[in-house]
Amino acid sequence: MSGTQTQVAFHRTELAIILSLYGRMVAAGEWRDYGISCLRDLAVFSIFRRTAENPLYRIEKRPKLRARQGQYAVVGIDGQILKRGNDLKAVLRVLERKLIRAVD
């Protein structure tokens, strides 16, 4: 491979979907901070309840898995994959259910 290896990043439309959910969870008092990492094989949107702790959830984009399990995954604090697939909105529904519980 040449030295022009690019990083994986979230597209603007993907970020709009993620930030829409993030905003609702912040409004519900569930989440407080986030971080974005763009690496060679994956992009990660990390979600924190407090700034100085491990992320509660990681939303990962791994384009190499598009043809297999799906390029998007929601990973829990313990490293367990909660949901995986190629439809970002469908994958994020696992977190939407937690929002519904938070509002009840």
PDB file of N, CA and C in Angstrom:
ATOM      1  N   MET A   1       0.836  -1.199   0.000  1.00  0.00           N
ATOM      2  CA  MET A   1       0.000   0.000   0.000  1.00  0.00           C
ATOM      3  C   MET A   1       0.869   1.246   0.000  1.00  0.00           C
ATOM      4  N   SER A   2       0.360   2.267  -0.616  1.00  0.00           N
ATOM      5  CA  SER A   2       1.102   3.524  -0.674  1.00  0.00           C
ATOM      6  C   SER A   2       0.905   4.309   0.618  1.00  0.00           C
ATOM      7  N   GLY A   3       1.654   5.380   0.767  1.00  0.00           N
ATOM      8  CA  GLY A   3       1.577   6.209   1.960  1.00  0.00           C
ATOM      9  C   GLY A   3       0.362   7.123   1.988  1.00  0.00           C
ATOM     10  N   THR A   4      -0.519   6.999   1.003  1.00  0.00           N
ATOM     11  CA  THR A   4      -1.702   7.867   0.954  1.00  0.00           C
ATOM     12  C   THR A   4      -2.902   7.209   1.634  1.00  0.00           C
ATOM     13  N   GLN A   5      -2.631   6.388   2.629  1.00  0.00           N
ATOM     14  CA  GLN A   5      -3.706   5.722   3.380  1.00  0.00           C
ATOM     15  C   GLN A   5      -4.597   6.780   4.034  1.00  0.00           C
ATOM     16  N   THR A   6      -5.881   6.697   3.785  1.00  0.00           N
ATOM     17  CA  THR A   6      -6.790   7.686   4.353  1.00  0.00           C
ATOM     18  C   THR A   6      -7.418   7.161   5.633  1.00  0.00           C
ATOM     19  N   GLN A   7      -7.970   8.083   6.386  1.00  0.00           N
ATOM     20  CA  GLN A   7      -8.657   7.714   7.618  1.00  0.00           C
ATOM     21  C   GLN A   7     -10.137   7.522   7.334  1.00  0.00           C
ATOM     22  N   VAL A   8     -10.778   6.709   8.159  1.00  0.00           N
ATOM     23  CA  VAL A   8     -12.225   6.541   8.101  1.00  0.00           C
ATOM     24  C   VAL A   8     -12.833   7.676   8.917  1.00  0.00           C
ATOM     25  N   ALA A   9     -13.876   8.292   8.386  1.00  0.00           N
ATOM     26  CA  ALA A   9     -14.559   9.373   9.099  1.00  0.00           C
ATOM     27  C   ALA A   9     -16.057   9.231   8.902  1.00  0.00           C
ATOM     28  N   PHE A  10     -16.808   9.850   9.790  1.00  0.00           N
ATOM     29  CA  PHE A  10     -18.254   9.888   9.621  1.00  0.00           C
ATOM     30  C   PHE A  10     -18.591  10.962   8.597  1.00  0.00           C
ATOM     31  N   HIS A  11     -19.512  10.651   7.703  1.00  0.00           N
ATOM     32  CA  HIS A  11     -20.001  11.615   6.723  1.00  0.00           C
ATOM     33  C   HIS A  11     -20.954  12.578   7.427  1.00  0.00           C
ATOM     34  N   ARG A  12     -21.149  13.736   6.854  1.00  0.00           N
ATOM     35  CA  ARG A  12     -22.039  14.752   7.441  1.00  0.00           C
ATOM     36  C   ARG A  12     -23.437  14.192   7.727  1.00  0.00           C
ATOM     37  N   THR A  13     -23.984  13.384   6.810  1.00  0.00           N
ATOM     38  CA  THR A  13     -25.331  12.838   7.032  1.00  0.00           C
ATOM     39  C   THR A  13     -25.337  11.840   8.190  1.00  0.00           C
ATOM     40  N   GLU A  14     -24.246  11.082   8.339  1.00  0.00           N
ATOM     41  CA  GLU A  14     -24.145  10.144   9.465  1.00  0.00           C
ATOM     42  C   GLU A  14     -24.064  10.913  10.776  1.00  0.00           C
ATOM     43  N   LEU A  15     -23.269  11.972  10.796  1.00  0.00           N
ATOM     44  CA  LEU A  15     -23.145  12.774  12.011  1.00  0.00           C
ATOM     45  C   LEU A  15     -24.467  13.432  12.382  1.00  0.00           C
ATOM     46  N   ALA A  16     -25.236  13.850  11.392  1.00  0.00           N
ATOM     47  CA  ALA A  16     -26.543  14.468  11.676  1.00  0.00           C
ATOM     48  C   ALA A  16     -27.449  13.476  12.402  1.00  0.00           C
ATOM     49  N   ILE A  17     -27.445  12.219  11.967  1.00  0.00           N
ATOM     50  CA  ILE A  17     -28.268  11.178  12.608  1.00  0.00           C
ATOM     51  C   ILE A  17     -27.782  10.939  14.041  1.00  0.00           C
ATOM     52  N   ILE A  18     -26.472  10.809  14.208  1.00  0.00           N
ATOM     53  CA  ILE A  18     -25.900  10.542  15.536  1.00  0.00           C
ATOM     54  C   ILE A  18     -26.143  11.724  16.470  1.00  0.00           C
ATOM     55  N   LEU A  19     -25.892  12.947  15.988  1.00  0.00           N
ATOM     56  CA  LEU A  19     -26.034  14.129  16.852  1.00  0.00           C
ATOM     57  C   LEU A  19     -27.493  14.415  17.202  1.00  0.00           C
ATOM     58  N   SER A  20     -28.420  14.000  16.359  1.00  0.00           N
ATOM     59  CA  SER A  20     -29.837  14.141  16.685  1.00  0.00           C
ATOM     60  C   SER A  20     -30.176  13.290  17.917  1.00  0.00           C
ATOM     61  N   LEU A  21     -29.733  12.035  17.910  1.00  0.00           N
ATOM     62  CA  LEU A  21     -29.929  11.155  19.068  1.00  0.00           C
ATOM     63  C   LEU A  21     -29.170  11.707  20.276  1.00  0.00           C
ATOM     64  N   TYR A  22     -27.933  12.139  20.066  1.00  0.00           N
ATOM     65  CA  TYR A  22     -27.114  12.665  21.155  1.00  0.00           C
ATOM     66  C   TYR A  22     -27.814  13.852  21.829  1.00  0.00           C
ATOM     67  N   GLY A  23     -28.359  14.759  21.034  1.00  0.00           N
ATOM     68  CA  GLY A  23     -29.050  15.932  21.581  1.00  0.00           C
ATOM     69  C   GLY A  23     -30.248  15.556  22.435  1.00  0.00           C
ATOM     70  N   ARG A  24     -30.997  14.551  21.982  1.00  0.00           N
ATOM     71  CA  ARG A  24     -32.159  14.104  22.764  1.00  0.00           C
ATOM     72  C   ARG A  24     -31.718  13.480  24.085  1.00  0.00           C
ATOM     73  N   MET A  25     -30.622  12.722  24.067  1.00  0.00           N
ATOM     74  CA  MET A  25     -30.133  12.089  25.290  1.00  0.00           C
ATOM     75  C   MET A  25     -29.547  13.121  26.257  1.00  0.00           C
ATOM     76  N   VAL A  26     -28.911  14.156  25.725  1.00  0.00           N
ATOM     77  CA  VAL A  26     -28.411  15.239  26.588  1.00  0.00           C
ATOM     78  C   VAL A  26     -29.598  15.947  27.242  1.00  0.00           C
ATOM     79  N   ALA A  27     -30.639  16.215  26.458  1.00  0.00           N
ATOM     80  CA  ALA A  27     -31.835  16.888  26.987  1.00  0.00           C
ATOM     81  C   ALA A  27     -32.507  16.046  28.068  1.00  0.00           C
ATOM     82  N   ALA A  28     -32.411  14.719  27.943  1.00  0.00           N
ATOM     83  CA  ALA A  28     -32.992  13.815  28.943  1.00  0.00           C
ATOM     84  C   ALA A  28     -32.074  13.662  30.156  1.00  0.00           C
ATOM     85  N   GLY A  29     -30.891  14.272  30.113  1.00  0.00           N
ATOM     86  CA  GLY A  29     -29.959  14.196  31.241  1.00  0.00           C
ATOM     87  C   GLY A  29     -29.138  12.923  31.293  1.00  0.00           C
ATOM     88  N   GLU A  30     -29.158  12.136  30.217  1.00  0.00           N
ATOM     89  CA  GLU A  30     -28.460  10.844  30.213  1.00  0.00           C
ATOM     90  C   GLU A  30     -26.990  10.966  29.812  1.00  0.00           C
ATOM     91  N   TRP A  31     -26.702  11.812  28.839  1.00  0.00           N
ATOM     92  CA  TRP A  31     -25.346  11.936  28.315  1.00  0.00           C
ATOM     93  C   TRP A  31     -24.856  13.356  28.507  1.00  0.00           C
ATOM     94  N   ARG A  32     -23.529  13.520  28.630  1.00  0.00           N
ATOM     95  CA  ARG A  32     -22.967  14.849  28.870  1.00  0.00           C
ATOM     96  C   ARG A  32     -21.887  15.259  27.885  1.00  0.00           C
ATOM     97  N   ASP A  33     -21.180  14.303  27.274  1.00  0.00           N
ATOM     98  CA  ASP A  33     -20.032  14.665  26.447  1.00  0.00           C
ATOM     99  C   ASP A  33     -19.826  13.604  25.376  1.00  0.00           C
ATOM    100  N   TYR A  34     -19.095  13.974  24.344  1.00  0.00           N
ATOM    101  CA  TYR A  34     -18.765  13.001  23.304  1.00  0.00           C
ATOM    102  C   TYR A  34     -17.379  13.295  22.740  1.00  0.00           C
ATOM    103  N   GLY A  35     -16.844  12.323  22.052  1.00  0.00           N
ATOM    104  CA  GLY A  35     -15.569  12.481  21.367  1.00  0.00           C
ATOM    105  C   GLY A  35     -15.624  11.728  20.055  1.00  0.00           C
ATOM    106  N   ILE A  36     -14.901  12.215  19.065  1.00  0.00           N
ATOM    107  CA  ILE A  36     -14.856  11.556  17.757  1.00  0.00           C
ATOM    108  C   ILE A  36     -13.408  11.225  17.439  1.00  0.00           C
ATOM    109  N   SER A  37     -13.177   9.976  17.051  1.00  0.00           N
ATOM    110  CA  SER A  37     -11.844   9.537  16.633  1.00  0.00           C
ATOM    111  C   SER A  37     -11.930   9.021  15.204  1.00  0.00           C
ATOM    112  N   CYS A  38     -11.038   9.477  14.360  1.00  0.00           N
ATOM    113  CA  CYS A  38     -10.962   9.003  12.978  1.00  0.00           C
ATOM    114  C   CYS A  38      -9.637   8.271  12.812  1.00  0.00           C
ATOM    115  N   LEU A  39      -9.723   6.960  12.664  1.00  0.00           N
ATOM    116  CA  LEU A  39      -8.543   6.111  12.585  1.00  0.00           C
ATOM    117  C   LEU A  39      -8.443   5.490  11.187  1.00  0.00           C
ATOM    118  N   ARG A  40      -7.445   4.666  10.961  1.00  0.00           N
ATOM    119  CA  ARG A  40      -7.253   4.106   9.628  1.00  0.00           C
ATOM    120  C   ARG A  40      -8.377   3.142   9.241  1.00  0.00           C
ATOM    121  N   ASP A  41      -8.803   2.281  10.173  1.00  0.00           N
ATOM    122  CA  ASP A  41      -9.803   1.255   9.846  1.00  0.00           C
ATOM    123  C   ASP A  41     -11.202   1.563  10.352  1.00  0.00           C
ATOM    124  N   LEU A  42     -11.320   2.538  11.256  1.00  0.00           N
ATOM    125  CA  LEU A  42     -12.640   2.831  11.795  1.00  0.00           C
ATOM    126  C   LEU A  42     -12.736   4.266  12.277  1.00  0.00           C
ATOM    127  N   ALA A  43     -13.979   4.722  12.348  1.00  0.00           N
ATOM    128  CA  ALA A  43     -14.294   5.998  12.983  1.00  0.00           C
ATOM    129  C   ALA A  43     -15.131   5.669  14.203  1.00  0.00           C
ATOM    130  N   VAL A  44     -14.910   6.402  15.303  1.00  0.00           N
ATOM    131  CA  VAL A  44     -15.614   6.114  16.556  1.00  0.00           C
ATOM    132  C   VAL A  44     -16.216   7.398  17.104  1.00  0.00           C
ATOM    133  N   PHE A  45     -17.504   7.333  17.448  1.00  0.00           N
ATOM    134  CA  PHE A  45     -18.194   8.409  18.164  1.00  0.00           C
ATOM    135  C   PHE A  45     -18.403   7.868  19.568  1.00  0.00           C
ATOM    136  N   SER A  46     -17.661   8.399  20.538  1.00  0.00           N
ATOM    137  CA  SER A  46     -17.738   7.911  21.923  1.00  0.00           C
ATOM    138  C   SER A  46     -18.670   8.809  22.727  1.00  0.00           C
ATOM    139  N   ILE A  47     -19.507   8.187  23.546  1.00  0.00           N
ATOM    140  CA  ILE A  47     -20.511   8.912  24.326  1.00  0.00           C
ATOM    141  C   ILE A  47     -20.199   8.734  25.810  1.00  0.00           C
ATOM    142  N   PHE A  48     -20.189   9.854  26.533  1.00  0.00           N
ATOM    143  CA  PHE A  48     -19.828   9.847  27.945  1.00  0.00           C
ATOM    144  C   PHE A  48     -20.958  10.390  28.809  1.00  0.00           C
ATOM    145  N   ARG A  49     -21.116   9.812  29.996  1.00  0.00           N
ATOM    146  CA  ARG A  49     -22.027  10.384  30.989  1.00  0.00           C
ATOM    147  C   ARG A  49     -21.330  11.535  31.703  1.00  0.00           C
ATOM    148  N   ARG A  50     -20.027  11.351  31.993  1.00  0.00           N
ATOM    149  CA  ARG A  50     -19.180  12.404  32.547  1.00  0.00           C
ATOM    150  C   ARG A  50     -17.906  12.462  31.721  1.00  0.00           C
ATOM    151  N   THR A  51     -17.281  13.601  31.689  1.00  0.00           N
ATOM    152  CA  THR A  51     -16.140  13.808  30.798  1.00  0.00           C
ATOM    153  C   THR A  51     -14.971  12.881  31.103  1.00  0.00           C
ATOM    154  N   ALA A  52     -14.659  12.653  32.364  1.00  0.00           N
ATOM    155  CA  ALA A  52     -13.414  11.976  32.729  1.00  0.00           C
ATOM    156  C   ALA A  52     -13.550  10.471  32.914  1.00  0.00           C
ATOM    157  N   GLU A  53     -14.508   9.846  32.268  1.00  0.00           N
ATOM    158  CA  GLU A  53     -14.656   8.400  32.454  1.00  0.00           C
ATOM    159  C   GLU A  53     -14.612   7.678  31.120  1.00  0.00           C
ATOM    160  N   ASN A  54     -14.693   6.362  31.179  1.00  0.00           N
ATOM    161  CA  ASN A  54     -14.767   5.567  29.952  1.00  0.00           C
ATOM    162  C   ASN A  54     -16.095   5.842  29.253  1.00  0.00           C
ATOM    163  N   PRO A  55     -16.115   5.713  27.930  1.00  0.00           N
ATOM    164  CA  PRO A  55     -17.377   5.975  27.234  1.00  0.00           C
ATOM    165  C   PRO A  55     -18.455   4.946  27.599  1.00  0.00           C
ATOM    166  N   LEU A  56     -19.694   5.443  27.752  1.00  0.00           N
ATOM    167  CA  LEU A  56     -20.838   4.553  27.967  1.00  0.00           C
ATOM    168  C   LEU A  56     -21.067   3.695  26.736  1.00  0.00           C
ATOM    169  N   TYR A  57     -20.997   4.340  25.578  1.00  0.00           N
ATOM    170  CA  TYR A  57     -21.237   3.676  24.299  1.00  0.00           C
ATOM    171  C   TYR A  57     -20.251   4.209  23.280  1.00  0.00           C
ATOM    172  N   ARG A  58     -19.942   3.338  22.316  1.00  0.00           N
ATOM    173  CA  ARG A  58     -19.162   3.754  21.154  1.00  0.00           C
ATOM    174  C   ARG A  58     -19.966   3.397  19.914  1.00  0.00           C
ATOM    175  N   ILE A  59     -20.138   4.361  19.045  1.00  0.00           N
ATOM    176  CA  ILE A  59     -20.756   4.107  17.747  1.00  0.00           C
ATOM    177  C   ILE A  59     -19.594   4.002  16.774  1.00  0.00           C
ATOM    178  N   GLU A  60     -19.416   2.824  16.196  1.00  0.00           N
ATOM    179  CA  GLU A  60     -18.264   2.580  15.339  1.00  0.00           C
ATOM    180  C   GLU A  60     -18.685   2.423  13.885  1.00  0.00           C
ATOM    181  N   LYS A  61     -17.847   2.932  13.006  1.00  0.00           N
ATOM    182  CA  LYS A  61     -18.028   2.758  11.565  1.00  0.00           C
ATOM    183  C   LYS A  61     -16.774   2.066  11.044  1.00  0.00           C
ATOM    184  N   ARG A  62     -16.970   0.849  10.519  1.00  0.00           N
ATOM    185  CA  ARG A  62     -15.866   0.064   9.958  1.00  0.00           C
ATOM    186  C   ARG A  62     -16.248  -0.331   8.535  1.00  0.00           C
ATOM    187  N   PRO A  63     -15.873   0.484   7.537  1.00  0.00           N
ATOM    188  CA  PRO A  63     -16.275   0.192   6.149  1.00  0.00           C
ATOM    189  C   PRO A  63     -15.872  -1.187   5.653  1.00  0.00           C
ATOM    190  N   LYS A  64     -14.772  -1.747   6.171  1.00  0.00           N
ATOM    191  CA  LYS A  64     -14.338  -3.077   5.708  1.00  0.00           C
ATOM    192  C   LYS A  64     -15.347  -4.169   6.063  1.00  0.00           C
ATOM    193  N   LEU A  65     -16.210  -3.916   7.051  1.00  0.00           N
ATOM    194  CA  LEU A  65     -17.198  -4.926   7.459  1.00  0.00           C
ATOM    195  C   LEU A  65     -18.539  -4.752   6.732  1.00  0.00           C
ATOM    196  N   ARG A  66     -18.613  -3.802   5.801  1.00  0.00           N
ATOM    197  CA  ARG A  66     -19.868  -3.505   5.102  1.00  0.00           C
ATOM    198  C   ARG A  66     -20.474  -4.758   4.474  1.00  0.00           C
ATOM    199  N   ALA A  67     -19.645  -5.592   3.842  1.00  0.00           N
ATOM    200  CA  ALA A  67     -20.146  -6.780   3.148  1.00  0.00           C
ATOM    201  C   ALA A  67     -20.399  -7.951   4.097  1.00  0.00           C
ATOM    202  N   ARG A  68     -19.901  -7.862   5.318  1.00  0.00           N
ATOM    203  CA  ARG A  68     -20.065  -8.959   6.278  1.00  0.00           C
ATOM    204  C   ARG A  68     -21.132  -8.607   7.317  1.00  0.00           C
ATOM    205  N   GLN A  69     -20.726  -8.284   8.534  1.00  0.00           N
ATOM    206  CA  GLN A  69     -21.687  -8.042   9.611  1.00  0.00           C
ATOM    207  C   GLN A  69     -22.388  -6.693   9.490  1.00  0.00           C
ATOM    208  N   GLY A  70     -21.804  -5.770   8.755  1.00  0.00           N
ATOM    209  CA  GLY A  70     -22.337  -4.417   8.668  1.00  0.00           C
ATOM    210  C   GLY A  70     -21.302  -3.438   9.179  1.00  0.00           C
ATOM    211  N   GLN A  71     -21.261  -2.255   8.572  1.00  0.00           N
ATOM    212  CA  GLN A  71     -20.186  -1.313   8.901  1.00  0.00           C
ATOM    213  C   GLN A  71     -20.431  -0.528  10.183  1.00  0.00           C
ATOM    214  N   TYR A  72     -21.670  -0.482  10.686  1.00  0.00           N
ATOM    215  CA  TYR A  72     -21.955   0.274  11.907  1.00  0.00           C
ATOM    216  C   TYR A  72     -22.160  -0.671  13.084  1.00  0.00           C
ATOM    217  N   ALA A  73     -21.706  -0.235  14.261  1.00  0.00           N
ATOM    218  CA  ALA A  73     -21.920  -1.027  15.468  1.00  0.00           C
ATOM    219  C   ALA A  73     -22.053  -0.089  16.659  1.00  0.00           C
ATOM    220  N   VAL A  74     -22.914  -0.480  17.611  1.00  0.00           N
ATOM    221  CA  VAL A  74     -22.988   0.202  18.902  1.00  0.00           C
ATOM    222  C   VAL A  74     -22.348  -0.753  19.901  1.00  0.00           C
ATOM    223  N   VAL A  75     -21.316  -0.249  20.602  1.00  0.00           N
ATOM    224  CA  VAL A  75     -20.553  -1.072  21.536  1.00  0.00           C
ATOM    225  C   VAL A  75     -20.767  -0.520  22.944  1.00  0.00           C
ATOM    226  N   GLY A  76     -21.089  -1.394  23.886  1.00  0.00           N
ATOM    227  CA  GLY A  76     -21.318  -0.993  25.271  1.00  0.00           C
ATOM    228  C   GLY A  76     -20.022  -0.738  26.016  1.00  0.00           C
ATOM    229  N   ILE A  77     -20.162  -0.261  27.251  1.00  0.00           N
ATOM    230  CA  ILE A  77     -19.007   0.101  28.085  1.00  0.00           C
ATOM    231  C   ILE A  77     -18.094  -1.101  28.334  1.00  0.00           C
ATOM    232  N   ASP A  78     -18.664  -2.301  28.321  1.00  0.00           N
ATOM    233  CA  ASP A  78     -17.892  -3.523  28.578  1.00  0.00           C
ATOM    234  C   ASP A  78     -17.298  -4.123  27.303  1.00  0.00           C
ATOM    235  N   GLY A  79     -17.466  -3.441  26.158  1.00  0.00           N
ATOM    236  CA  GLY A  79     -16.937  -3.945  24.896  1.00  0.00           C
ATOM    237  C   GLY A  79     -17.884  -4.842  24.136  1.00  0.00           C
ATOM    238  N   GLN A  80     -19.049  -5.116  24.707  1.00  0.00           N
ATOM    239  CA  GLN A  80     -20.032  -5.972  24.051  1.00  0.00           C
ATOM    240  C   GLN A  80     -20.713  -5.218  22.915  1.00  0.00           C
ATOM    241  N   ILE A  81     -20.845  -5.878  21.756  1.00  0.00           N
ATOM    242  CA  ILE A  81     -21.551  -5.261  20.631  1.00  0.00           C
ATOM    243  C   ILE A  81     -23.048  -5.408  20.881  1.00  0.00           C
ATOM    244  N   LEU A  82     -23.736  -4.269  21.011  1.00  0.00           N
ATOM    245  CA  LEU A  82     -25.173  -4.267  21.298  1.00  0.00           C
ATOM    246  C   LEU A  82     -25.996  -4.402  20.032  1.00  0.00           C
ATOM    247  N   LYS A  83     -25.487  -3.848  18.918  1.00  0.00           N
ATOM    248  CA  LYS A  83     -26.213  -3.923  17.652  1.00  0.00           C
ATOM    249  C   LYS A  83     -25.231  -3.637  16.538  1.00  0.00           C
ATOM    250  N   ARG A  84     -25.430  -4.300  15.394  1.00  0.00           N
ATOM    251  CA  ARG A  84     -24.542  -4.119  14.245  1.00  0.00           C
ATOM    252  C   ARG A  84     -25.370  -4.196  12.973  1.00  0.00           C
ATOM    253  N   GLY A  85     -24.980  -3.439  11.953  1.00  0.00           N
ATOM    254  CA  GLY A  85     -25.668  -3.503  10.672  1.00  0.00           C
ATOM    255  C   GLY A  85     -25.184  -2.417   9.728  1.00  0.00           C
ATOM    256  N   ASN A  86     -25.799  -2.366   8.542  1.00  0.00           N
ATOM    257  CA  ASN A  86     -25.428  -1.365   7.546  1.00  0.00           C
ATOM    258  C   ASN A  86     -26.335  -0.145   7.553  1.00  0.00           C
ATOM    259  N   ASP A  87     -27.444  -0.199   8.296  1.00  0.00           N
ATOM    260  CA  ASP A  87     -28.372   0.933   8.384  1.00  0.00           C
ATOM    261  C   ASP A  87     -28.134   1.636   9.724  1.00  0.00           C
ATOM    262  N   LEU A  88     -27.520   2.823   9.666  1.00  0.00           N
ATOM    263  CA  LEU A  88     -27.140   3.529  10.897  1.00  0.00           C
ATOM    264  C   LEU A  88     -28.344   3.792  11.793  1.00  0.00           C
ATOM    265  N   LYS A  89     -29.463   4.233  11.209  1.00  0.00           N
ATOM    266  CA  LYS A  89     -30.651   4.525  12.026  1.00  0.00           C
ATOM    267  C   LYS A  89     -31.143   3.269  12.743  1.00  0.00           C
ATOM    268  N   ALA A  90     -31.144   2.146  12.045  1.00  0.00           N
ATOM    269  CA  ALA A  90     -31.589   0.885  12.653  1.00  0.00           C
ATOM    270  C   ALA A  90     -30.648   0.462  13.778  1.00  0.00           C
ATOM    271  N   VAL A  91     -29.338   0.638  13.582  1.00  0.00           N
ATOM    272  CA  VAL A  91     -28.362   0.264  14.602  1.00  0.00           C
ATOM    273  C   VAL A  91     -28.533   1.144  15.841  1.00  0.00           C
ATOM    274  N   LEU A  92     -28.815   2.437  15.640  1.00  0.00           N
ATOM    275  CA  LEU A  92     -28.957   3.362  16.773  1.00  0.00           C
ATOM    276  C   LEU A  92     -30.247   3.145  17.562  1.00  0.00           C
ATOM    277  N   ARG A  93     -31.187   2.386  17.009  1.00  0.00           N
ATOM    278  CA  ARG A  93     -32.440   2.137  17.739  1.00  0.00           C
ATOM    279  C   ARG A  93     -32.203   1.451  19.078  1.00  0.00           C
ATOM    280  N   VAL A  94     -31.099   0.713  19.205  1.00  0.00           N
ATOM    281  CA  VAL A  94     -30.779   0.074  20.479  1.00  0.00           C
ATOM    282  C   VAL A  94     -30.585   1.148  21.559  1.00  0.00           C
ATOM    283  N   LEU A  95     -30.115   2.331  21.171  1.00  0.00           N
ATOM    284  CA  LEU A  95     -29.948   3.435  22.120  1.00  0.00           C
ATOM    285  C   LEU A  95     -31.240   4.221  22.274  1.00  0.00           C
ATOM    286  N   GLU A  96     -32.073   4.273  21.234  1.00  0.00           N
ATOM    287  CA  GLU A  96     -33.377   4.949  21.307  1.00  0.00           C
ATOM    288  C   GLU A  96     -34.230   4.316  22.401  1.00  0.00           C
ATOM    289  N   ARG A  97     -34.175   2.996  22.506  1.00  0.00           N
ATOM    290  CA  ARG A  97     -34.957   2.304  23.540  1.00  0.00           C
ATOM    291  C   ARG A  97     -34.540   2.765  24.924  1.00  0.00           C
ATOM    292  N   LYS A  98     -33.265   3.049  25.099  1.00  0.00           N
ATOM    293  CA  LYS A  98     -32.783   3.533  26.388  1.00  0.00           C
ATOM    294  C   LYS A  98     -33.315   4.954  26.654  1.00  0.00           C
ATOM    295  N   LEU A  99     -33.505   5.736  25.598  1.00  0.00           N
ATOM    296  CA  LEU A  99     -34.070   7.086  25.744  1.00  0.00           C
ATOM    297  C   LEU A  99     -35.521   6.981  26.204  1.00  0.00           C
ATOM    298  N   ILE A 100     -36.262   6.069  25.625  1.00  0.00           N
ATOM    299  CA  ILE A 100     -37.672   5.896  26.009  1.00  0.00           C
ATOM    300  C   ILE A 100     -37.756   5.537  27.503  1.00  0.00           C
ATOM    301  N   ARG A 101     -36.862   4.657  27.964  1.00  0.00           N
ATOM    302  CA  ARG A 101     -36.832   4.281  29.369  1.00  0.00           C
ATOM    303  C   ARG A 101     -36.457   5.480  30.247  1.00  0.00           C
ATOM    304  N   ALA A 102     -35.553   6.324  29.766  1.00  0.00           N
ATOM    305  CA  ALA A 102     -35.108   7.475  30.549  1.00  0.00           C
ATOM    306  C   ALA A 102     -36.233   8.472  30.737  1.00  0.00           C
ATOM    307  N   VAL A 103     -37.132   8.571  29.780  1.00  0.00           N
ATOM    308  CA  VAL A 103     -38.217   9.559  29.826  1.00  0.00           C
ATOM    309  C   VAL A 103     -39.370   9.063  30.702  1.00  0.00           C
ATOM    310  N   ASP A 104     -39.575   7.748  30.744  1.00  0.00           N
ATOM    311  CA  ASP A 104     -40.704   7.189  31.515  1.00  0.00           C
ATOM    312  C   ASP A 104     -40.713   7.642  32.951  1.00  0.00           C
TER     313      ASP A 104
END
